[in-house]
């Protein structure tokens, strides 16, 4: 999707690298936005996102 483009957005090579690096490194770690889930995740537990 990133290589094909999305809504005519064009990324510079540096921006493309930053985005893919972020996806590879931290996007799964920050899978929850609630404080409680984040604390569980930081202590090594599995945080389950809440669905509303």
PDB file of N, CA and C in Angstrom:
ATOM      1  N   UNK A   1       0.837  -1.193   0.000  1.00  0.00           N
ATOM      2  CA  UNK A   1       0.000   0.000   0.000  1.00  0.00           C
ATOM      3  C   UNK A   1       0.875   1.247   0.000  1.00  0.00           C
ATOM      4  N   UNK A   2       1.937   1.226   0.800  1.00  0.00           N
ATOM      5  CA  UNK A   2       2.801   2.405   0.867  1.00  0.00           C
ATOM      6  C   UNK A   2       3.514   2.652  -0.455  1.00  0.00           C
ATOM      7  N   UNK A   3       3.963   1.589  -1.094  1.00  0.00           N
ATOM      8  CA  UNK A   3       4.680   1.754  -2.355  1.00  0.00           C
ATOM      9  C   UNK A   3       3.756   2.207  -3.473  1.00  0.00           C
ATOM     10  N   UNK A   4       2.511   1.727  -3.471  1.00  0.00           N
ATOM     11  CA  UNK A   4       1.550   2.121  -4.504  1.00  0.00           C
ATOM     12  C   UNK A   4       1.059   3.546  -4.302  1.00  0.00           C
ATOM     13  N   UNK A   5       1.056   3.995  -3.072  1.00  0.00           N
ATOM     14  CA  UNK A   5       0.537   5.324  -2.760  1.00  0.00           C
ATOM     15  C   UNK A   5      -0.864   5.219  -2.183  1.00  0.00           C
ATOM     16  N   UNK A   6      -1.264   6.262  -1.505  1.00  0.00           N
ATOM     17  CA  UNK A   6      -2.574   6.291  -0.860  1.00  0.00           C
ATOM     18  C   UNK A   6      -3.126   7.699  -0.999  1.00  0.00           C
ATOM     19  N   UNK A   7      -4.224   7.835  -1.719  1.00  0.00           N
ATOM     20  CA  UNK A   7      -4.839   9.151  -1.935  1.00  0.00           C
ATOM     21  C   UNK A   7      -3.838  10.159  -2.491  1.00  0.00           C
ATOM     22  N   UNK A   8      -3.031   9.715  -3.420  1.00  0.00           N
ATOM     23  CA  UNK A   8      -2.043  10.569  -4.090  1.00  0.00           C
ATOM     24  C   UNK A   8      -0.997  11.162  -3.151  1.00  0.00           C
ATOM     25  N   UNK A   9      -0.789  10.552  -1.984  1.00  0.00           N
ATOM     26  CA  UNK A   9       0.260  11.004  -1.069  1.00  0.00           C
ATOM     27  C   UNK A   9       1.580  10.431  -1.565  1.00  0.00           C
ATOM     28  N   UNK A  10       2.565  11.275  -1.680  1.00  0.00           N
ATOM     29  CA  UNK A  10       3.897  10.861  -2.105  1.00  0.00           C
ATOM     30  C   UNK A  10       4.861  11.092  -0.949  1.00  0.00           C
ATOM     31  N   UNK A  11       5.578  10.046  -0.555  1.00  0.00           N
ATOM     32  CA  UNK A  11       6.548  10.157   0.523  1.00  0.00           C
ATOM     33  C   UNK A  11       7.954  10.263  -0.049  1.00  0.00           C
ATOM     34  N   UNK A  12       8.767  11.083   0.580  1.00  0.00           N
ATOM     35  CA  UNK A  12      10.173  11.130   0.200  1.00  0.00           C
ATOM     36  C   UNK A  12      10.810   9.811   0.657  1.00  0.00           C
ATOM     37  N   UNK A  13      11.952   9.444   0.103  1.00  0.00           N
ATOM     38  CA  UNK A  13      12.614   8.219   0.561  1.00  0.00           C
ATOM     39  C   UNK A  13      12.863   8.216   2.077  1.00  0.00           C
ATOM     40  N   UNK A  14      13.233   9.374   2.620  1.00  0.00           N
ATOM     41  CA  UNK A  14      13.466   9.455   4.064  1.00  0.00           C
ATOM     42  C   UNK A  14      12.171   9.239   4.854  1.00  0.00           C
ATOM     43  N   UNK A  15      11.084   9.873   4.437  1.00  0.00           N
ATOM     44  CA  UNK A  15       9.800   9.698   5.116  1.00  0.00           C
ATOM     45  C   UNK A  15       9.308   8.257   5.008  1.00  0.00           C
ATOM     46  N   UNK A  16       9.492   7.656   3.844  1.00  0.00           N
ATOM     47  CA  UNK A  16       9.102   6.258   3.657  1.00  0.00           C
ATOM     48  C   UNK A  16       9.885   5.366   4.614  1.00  0.00           C
ATOM     49  N   UNK A  17      11.192   5.624   4.736  1.00  0.00           N
ATOM     50  CA  UNK A  17      12.025   4.839   5.649  1.00  0.00           C
ATOM     51  C   UNK A  17      11.573   5.024   7.092  1.00  0.00           C
ATOM     52  N   UNK A  18      11.292   6.254   7.493  1.00  0.00           N
ATOM     53  CA  UNK A  18      10.833   6.518   8.865  1.00  0.00           C
ATOM     54  C   UNK A  18       9.534   5.770   9.171  1.00  0.00           C
ATOM     55  N   UNK A  19       8.612   5.827   8.240  1.00  0.00           N
ATOM     56  CA  UNK A  19       7.318   5.193   8.453  1.00  0.00           C
ATOM     57  C   UNK A  19       7.454   3.677   8.555  1.00  0.00           C
ATOM     58  N   UNK A  20       8.213   3.077   7.659  1.00  0.00           N
ATOM     59  CA  UNK A  20       8.383   1.621   7.716  1.00  0.00           C
ATOM     60  C   UNK A  20       9.160   1.211   8.957  1.00  0.00           C
ATOM     61  N   UNK A  21      10.128   2.013   9.371  1.00  0.00           N
ATOM     62  CA  UNK A  21      10.872   1.716  10.584  1.00  0.00           C
ATOM     63  C   UNK A  21       9.964   1.769  11.805  1.00  0.00           C
ATOM     64  N   UNK A  22       9.112   2.785  11.867  1.00  0.00           N
ATOM     65  CA  UNK A  22       8.158   2.899  12.975  1.00  0.00           C
ATOM     66  C   UNK A  22       7.233   1.689  13.004  1.00  0.00           C
ATOM     67  N   UNK A  23       6.732   1.288  11.847  1.00  0.00           N
ATOM     68  CA  UNK A  23       5.846   0.126  11.790  1.00  0.00           C
ATOM     69  C   UNK A  23       6.557  -1.127  12.265  1.00  0.00           C
ATOM     70  N   UNK A  24       7.810  -1.289  11.864  1.00  0.00           N
ATOM     71  CA  UNK A  24       8.569  -2.482  12.242  1.00  0.00           C
ATOM     72  C   UNK A  24       8.962  -2.495  13.709  1.00  0.00           C
ATOM     73  N   UNK A  25       9.232  -1.329  14.272  1.00  0.00           N
ATOM     74  CA  UNK A  25       9.819  -1.275  15.617  1.00  0.00           C
ATOM     75  C   UNK A  25       8.838  -1.061  16.759  1.00  0.00           C
ATOM     76  N   UNK A  26       7.886  -0.161  16.622  1.00  0.00           N
ATOM     77  CA  UNK A  26       7.108   0.188  17.799  1.00  0.00           C
ATOM     78  C   UNK A  26       5.601   0.165  17.632  1.00  0.00           C
ATOM     79  N   UNK A  27       5.109   0.034  16.457  1.00  0.00           N
ATOM     80  CA  UNK A  27       3.667   0.176  16.315  1.00  0.00           C
ATOM     81  C   UNK A  27       2.904  -0.909  17.076  1.00  0.00           C
ATOM     82  N   UNK A  28       3.436  -2.112  17.133  1.00  0.00           N
ATOM     83  CA  UNK A  28       2.738  -3.171  17.868  1.00  0.00           C
ATOM     84  C   UNK A  28       2.869  -2.992  19.374  1.00  0.00           C
ATOM     85  N   UNK A  29       3.950  -2.360  19.842  1.00  0.00           N
ATOM     86  CA  UNK A  29       4.114  -2.138  21.275  1.00  0.00           C
ATOM     87  C   UNK A  29       3.045  -1.193  21.792  1.00  0.00           C
ATOM     88  N   UNK A  30       2.773  -0.166  21.032  1.00  0.00           N
ATOM     89  CA  UNK A  30       1.782   0.800  21.449  1.00  0.00           C
ATOM     90  C   UNK A  30       0.424   0.434  20.865  1.00  0.00           C
ATOM     91  N   UNK A  31      -0.014  -0.768  21.145  1.00  0.00           N
ATOM     92  CA  UNK A  31      -1.263  -1.255  20.594  1.00  0.00           C
ATOM     93  C   UNK A  31      -2.489  -0.824  21.378  1.00  0.00           C
ATOM     94  N   UNK A  32      -2.275  -0.225  22.547  1.00  0.00           N
ATOM     95  CA  UNK A  32      -3.388   0.252  23.361  1.00  0.00           C
ATOM     96  C   UNK A  32      -3.148   1.710  23.715  1.00  0.00           C
ATOM     97  N   UNK A  33      -4.214   2.408  23.956  1.00  0.00           N
ATOM     98  CA  UNK A  33      -4.096   3.823  24.268  1.00  0.00           C
ATOM     99  C   UNK A  33      -4.529   4.132  25.700  1.00  0.00           C
ATOM    100  N   UNK A  34      -5.146   3.176  26.361  1.00  0.00           N
ATOM    101  CA  UNK A  34      -5.593   3.409  27.724  1.00  0.00           C
ATOM    102  C   UNK A  34      -4.413   3.256  28.677  1.00  0.00           C
ATOM    103  N   UNK A  35      -4.387   4.043  29.728  1.00  0.00           N
ATOM    104  CA  UNK A  35      -3.279   4.005  30.684  1.00  0.00           C
ATOM    105  C   UNK A  35      -3.097   2.617  31.295  1.00  0.00           C
ATOM    106  N   UNK A  36      -4.190   2.002  31.712  1.00  0.00           N
ATOM    107  CA  UNK A  36      -4.096   0.688  32.363  1.00  0.00           C
ATOM    108  C   UNK A  36      -3.462  -0.347  31.429  1.00  0.00           C
ATOM    109  N   UNK A  37      -3.924  -0.380  30.193  1.00  0.00           N
ATOM    110  CA  UNK A  37      -3.361  -1.320  29.232  1.00  0.00           C
ATOM    111  C   UNK A  37      -1.892  -1.053  28.960  1.00  0.00           C
ATOM    112  N   UNK A  38      -1.517   0.213  28.920  1.00  0.00           N
ATOM    113  CA  UNK A  38      -0.118   0.566  28.713  1.00  0.00           C
ATOM    114  C   UNK A  38       0.754   0.106  29.861  1.00  0.00           C
ATOM    115  N   UNK A  39       0.263   0.233  31.088  1.00  0.00           N
ATOM    116  CA  UNK A  39       1.021  -0.219  32.253  1.00  0.00           C
ATOM    117  C   UNK A  39       1.195  -1.736  32.235  1.00  0.00           C
ATOM    118  N   UNK A  40       0.149  -2.447  31.858  1.00  0.00           N
ATOM    119  CA  UNK A  40       0.243  -3.902  31.749  1.00  0.00           C
ATOM    120  C   UNK A  40       1.296  -4.268  30.712  1.00  0.00           C
ATOM    121  N   UNK A  41       1.274  -3.582  29.597  1.00  0.00           N
ATOM    122  CA  UNK A  41       2.204  -3.854  28.509  1.00  0.00           C
ATOM    123  C   UNK A  41       3.647  -3.559  28.938  1.00  0.00           C
ATOM    124  N   UNK A  42       3.857  -2.457  29.642  1.00  0.00           N
ATOM    125  CA  UNK A  42       5.198  -2.101  30.093  1.00  0.00           C
ATOM    126  C   UNK A  42       5.758  -3.103  31.088  1.00  0.00           C
ATOM    127  N   UNK A  43       4.895  -3.760  31.847  1.00  0.00           N
ATOM    128  CA  UNK A  43       5.369  -4.740  32.817  1.00  0.00           C
ATOM    129  C   UNK A  43       5.535  -6.126  32.207  1.00  0.00           C
ATOM    130  N   UNK A  44       5.338  -6.238  30.903  1.00  0.00           N
ATOM    131  CA  UNK A  44       5.547  -7.516  30.225  1.00  0.00           C
ATOM    132  C   UNK A  44       4.288  -8.318  30.009  1.00  0.00           C
ATOM    133  N   UNK A  45       3.149  -7.790  30.427  1.00  0.00           N
ATOM    134  CA  UNK A  45       1.892  -8.503  30.252  1.00  0.00           C
ATOM    135  C   UNK A  45       1.286  -8.249  28.871  1.00  0.00           C
ATOM    136  N   UNK A  46       0.198  -8.912  28.626  1.00  0.00           N
ATOM    137  CA  UNK A  46      -0.514  -8.744  27.362  1.00  0.00           C
ATOM    138  C   UNK A  46      -1.673  -7.791  27.594  1.00  0.00           C
ATOM    139  N   UNK A  47      -1.666  -6.699  26.862  1.00  0.00           N
ATOM    140  CA  UNK A  47      -2.730  -5.708  26.971  1.00  0.00           C
ATOM    141  C   UNK A  47      -3.753  -5.971  25.898  1.00  0.00           C
ATOM    142  N   UNK A  48      -4.992  -6.015  26.310  1.00  0.00           N
ATOM    143  CA  UNK A  48      -6.086  -6.208  25.365  1.00  0.00           C
ATOM    144  C   UNK A  48      -6.797  -4.876  25.176  1.00  0.00           C
ATOM    145  N   UNK A  49      -6.873  -4.384  23.946  1.00  0.00           N
ATOM    146  CA  UNK A  49      -7.552  -3.109  23.734  1.00  0.00           C
ATOM    147  C   UNK A  49      -9.031  -3.205  24.037  1.00  0.00           C
ATOM    148  N   UNK A  50      -9.567  -2.122  24.510  1.00  0.00           N
ATOM    149  CA  UNK A  50     -10.999  -2.087  24.775  1.00  0.00           C
ATOM    150  C   UNK A  50     -11.705  -1.672  23.502  1.00  0.00           C
ATOM    151  N   UNK A  51     -12.824  -2.292  23.250  1.00  0.00           N
ATOM    152  CA  UNK A  51     -13.616  -1.942  22.082  1.00  0.00           C
ATOM    153  C   UNK A  51     -14.899  -1.288  22.562  1.00  0.00           C
ATOM    154  N   UNK A  52     -15.154  -0.111  22.063  1.00  0.00           N
ATOM    155  CA  UNK A  52     -16.361   0.595  22.466  1.00  0.00           C
ATOM    156  C   UNK A  52     -17.241   0.809  21.281  1.00  0.00           C
TER     157      UNK A  52
END
